[in-house]
Amino acid sequence: MARAPKVPPAELPPEERYKKAKEICFDLLAARPRTQEELRQALHRKGFDEETSETLLGKLDRAGLVNDAEFAELWVKSRHANQGLSRTALVAELRRKGVDDEIATQAAGEVDRESEEQMARELVRKRLGSLGNVDEQTALRRLLGFLARKGYPQGLAYTVIREELREYGAESTLLDDAVID
C-alpha cells in the first residue's frame, strides 16, 4: 500500500496543522516526560509555525501535561540515582533541555551535600576495582577526571578519592597479607 505524500505543515489547513502538531507532542510525551522547550524544538524541526506551537504548548501546560518543574524534579532524582551526576551537572542538563534557571537550581537543590558526597564515594568504589594495578597518582588522576565529568567539585572529589584510596589500599594490603599466610 502506497503512502500518501508528506505535506509540509505550512500547507495544511489550520485545524489539520494543529491536529498534526498535537499528535506529534502526544507521541513524544508517551515515550517520556518532556519540557516545553523540547516539544517546541521538535515542532520547529517538523516545520510547524510558532503560532501553532505556542497555542498547543499553552493548552498542554494548562492541562498539566507539560510541567517543567515536575519534569526537573523527576529528572534530578533519576539522573542522580542512575548516572551519579552532581548538582552542577544536573542543573547544566536541565538548562540544555530548556528548563528555567531558577527551576533547575531548585530541583537540583533536592540533592543535598551529603547525598552528593555519598554518591561520589559509591562511584569511586565501583571504579577502583577496574583500575587494575596502577600507581596511586594515576588512580588519583583518573578518578578525578571521572568525577569531574560527572560534575563533582574538585575539592569534594579530591577528598573523597583520597579517603577511598586510603581505605582501598588498607583492604588490599589486608588481602595480600591473608594470601601470604
Protein backbone atom coordinates (compact mmCIF):
# COMPACT_ATOMS: atom_id res chain seq x y z
CA MET A 1 0.00 0.00 0.00
CA ALA A 2 1.46 3.33 -1.04
CA ARG A 3 1.86 6.09 1.48
CA ALA A 4 0.31 9.46 0.94
CA PRO A 5 2.93 12.09 0.11
CA LYS A 6 4.06 14.10 3.11
CA VAL A 7 2.51 17.54 3.16
CA PRO A 8 4.53 20.27 4.88
CA PRO A 9 2.65 21.63 7.94
CA ALA A 10 2.52 25.14 6.43
CA GLU A 11 0.40 23.79 3.55
CA LEU A 12 -2.17 22.14 5.84
CA PRO A 13 -5.37 23.93 6.86
CA PRO A 14 -5.07 25.39 10.42
CA GLU A 15 -7.23 22.66 12.06
CA GLU A 16 -5.24 19.87 10.39
CA ARG A 17 -1.94 21.57 11.26
CA TYR A 18 -2.95 21.85 14.91
CA LYS A 19 -4.16 18.23 14.98
CA LYS A 20 -0.87 17.00 13.47
CA ALA A 21 1.21 19.05 15.95
CA LYS A 22 -0.86 17.68 18.83
CA GLU A 23 -0.28 14.14 17.57
CA ILE A 24 3.48 14.70 17.47
CA CYS A 25 3.51 16.12 21.01
CA PHE A 26 1.41 13.25 22.38
CA ASP A 27 3.71 10.70 20.74
CA LEU A 28 6.75 12.36 22.31
CA LEU A 29 5.07 12.62 25.72
CA ALA A 30 4.06 8.96 25.55
CA ALA A 31 7.73 7.97 25.35
CA ARG A 32 8.84 10.09 28.34
CA PRO A 33 8.07 13.41 30.02
CA ARG A 34 9.34 16.43 28.06
CA THR A 35 9.96 20.08 28.73
CA GLN A 36 8.09 22.78 26.84
CA GLU A 37 11.32 23.67 25.06
CA GLU A 38 11.89 20.07 23.90
CA LEU A 39 8.40 19.98 22.41
CA ARG A 40 8.84 23.45 20.89
CA GLN A 41 12.09 22.36 19.20
CA ALA A 42 10.53 19.12 17.94
CA LEU A 43 7.65 21.03 16.36
CA HIS A 44 10.05 23.55 14.86
CA ARG A 45 12.17 20.73 13.33
CA LYS A 46 8.99 19.28 11.79
CA GLY A 47 8.20 22.64 10.19
CA PHE A 48 5.37 23.93 12.37
CA ASP A 49 4.89 27.67 12.70
CA GLU A 50 5.43 29.46 16.00
CA GLU A 51 1.75 30.35 16.44
CA THR A 52 0.59 26.72 16.19
CA SER A 53 3.37 25.56 18.50
CA GLU A 54 2.73 28.20 21.16
CA THR A 55 -1.05 27.68 21.11
CA LEU A 56 -0.64 23.93 21.54
CA LEU A 57 2.08 24.24 24.22
CA GLY A 58 -0.12 26.66 26.17
CA LYS A 59 -3.01 24.17 26.12
CA LEU A 60 -0.73 21.29 27.14
CA ASP A 61 0.61 23.40 30.01
CA ARG A 62 -2.88 24.37 31.22
CA ALA A 63 -3.97 20.72 31.01
CA GLY A 64 -0.99 19.75 33.19
CA LEU A 65 0.56 17.52 30.51
CA VAL A 66 3.74 19.59 30.35
CA ASN A 67 5.21 20.91 33.58
CA ASP A 68 8.87 21.93 33.60
CA ALA A 69 9.07 21.94 37.43
CA GLU A 70 7.76 18.37 37.70
CA PHE A 71 9.99 17.30 34.83
CA ALA A 72 13.03 18.83 36.55
CA GLU A 73 12.25 17.09 39.83
CA LEU A 74 11.90 13.68 38.15
CA TRP A 75 15.00 14.27 36.02
CA VAL A 76 17.13 15.15 39.05
CA LYS A 77 16.05 12.07 41.01
CA SER A 78 16.60 9.75 38.07
CA ARG A 79 19.92 11.13 36.82
CA HIS A 80 21.44 11.44 40.30
CA ALA A 81 20.43 7.91 41.29
CA ASN A 82 21.17 6.19 37.97
CA GLN A 83 24.03 8.21 36.48
CA GLY A 84 25.56 9.59 39.68
CA LEU A 85 25.51 13.16 38.40
CA SER A 86 26.28 16.05 40.75
CA ARG A 87 24.05 19.06 41.32
CA THR A 88 26.15 21.15 38.94
CA ALA A 89 25.83 18.61 36.12
CA LEU A 90 22.10 18.23 36.76
CA VAL A 91 21.50 21.98 36.51
CA ALA A 92 23.52 22.09 33.27
CA GLU A 93 21.47 19.24 31.76
CA LEU A 94 18.19 20.86 32.74
CA ARG A 95 19.27 24.17 31.21
CA ARG A 96 20.13 22.37 27.96
CA LYS A 97 16.62 20.93 28.00
CA GLY A 98 15.18 24.44 28.24
CA VAL A 99 14.25 24.46 31.92
CA ASP A 100 14.35 27.89 33.55
CA ASP A 101 17.49 28.51 35.66
CA GLU A 102 15.52 29.07 38.85
CA ILE A 103 13.51 25.85 38.41
CA ALA A 104 16.66 23.88 37.52
CA THR A 105 18.54 25.17 40.56
CA GLN A 106 15.61 24.49 42.87
CA ALA A 107 15.19 20.93 41.55
CA ALA A 108 18.92 20.18 41.85
CA GLY A 109 18.82 21.57 45.38
CA GLU A 110 16.92 18.43 46.35
CA VAL A 111 20.28 16.65 46.16
CA ASP A 112 21.97 17.70 49.38
CA ARG A 113 25.70 17.82 50.04
CA GLU A 114 25.64 14.54 51.98
CA SER A 115 23.92 12.52 49.25
CA GLU A 116 26.22 14.09 46.66
CA GLU A 117 29.27 13.04 48.69
CA GLN A 118 27.82 9.56 49.24
CA MET A 119 27.22 9.15 45.51
CA ALA A 120 30.80 10.27 44.77
CA ARG A 121 32.07 7.63 47.21
CA GLU A 122 29.96 4.91 45.58
CA LEU A 123 31.19 5.91 42.12
CA VAL A 124 34.84 5.86 43.28
CA ARG A 125 34.43 2.46 44.96
CA LYS A 126 32.92 0.98 41.81
CA ARG A 127 35.67 2.44 39.65
CA LEU A 128 38.53 1.39 41.95
CA GLY A 129 38.07 -2.28 41.10
CA SER A 130 38.52 -1.64 37.40
CA LEU A 131 41.70 0.41 37.72
CA GLY A 132 43.90 -2.67 37.93
CA ASN A 133 47.45 -2.31 39.17
CA VAL A 134 48.06 1.38 38.52
CA ASP A 135 50.06 3.55 40.88
CA GLU A 136 48.25 5.88 43.29
CA GLN A 137 48.96 9.04 41.24
CA THR A 138 47.49 7.51 38.09
CA ALA A 139 44.47 6.25 40.03
CA LEU A 140 44.00 9.69 41.58
CA ARG A 141 44.22 11.42 38.19
CA ARG A 142 41.79 9.01 36.51
CA LEU A 143 39.29 9.18 39.36
CA LEU A 144 39.47 12.99 39.48
CA GLY A 145 38.72 13.11 35.75
CA PHE A 146 35.88 10.63 36.16
CA LEU A 147 34.20 12.63 38.93
CA ALA A 148 34.84 15.91 37.08
CA ARG A 149 32.93 14.55 34.07
CA LYS A 150 30.05 13.81 36.44
CA GLY A 151 30.17 17.44 37.61
CA TYR A 152 31.63 16.99 41.10
CA PRO A 153 33.56 19.94 42.56
CA GLN A 154 37.31 19.39 42.65
CA GLY A 155 37.63 19.80 46.43
CA LEU A 156 34.93 17.23 47.19
CA ALA A 157 36.27 14.83 44.56
CA TYR A 158 39.84 15.07 45.84
CA THR A 159 38.80 14.48 49.47
CA VAL A 160 36.56 11.53 48.64
CA ILE A 161 39.14 9.92 46.34
CA ARG A 162 41.97 10.29 48.88
CA GLU A 163 39.87 8.70 51.62
CA GLU A 164 38.63 5.89 49.40
CA LEU A 165 42.14 5.18 48.07
CA ARG A 166 43.43 5.02 51.64
CA GLU A 167 40.65 2.61 52.60
CA TYR A 168 41.08 0.55 49.41
CA GLY A 169 44.83 0.36 49.99
CA ALA A 170 44.29 -0.87 53.54
CA GLU A 171 41.84 -3.51 52.29
CA SER A 172 44.15 -4.71 49.53
CA THR A 173 47.08 -4.84 51.98
CA LEU A 174 44.98 -6.99 54.33
CA LEU A 175 44.03 -9.23 51.41
CA ASP A 176 47.68 -9.52 50.32
CA ASP A 177 48.72 -10.44 53.88
CA ALA A 178 45.98 -13.09 54.04
CA VAL A 179 47.20 -14.65 50.78
CA ILE A 180 50.83 -14.77 52.01
CA ASP A 181 49.92 -16.59 55.25
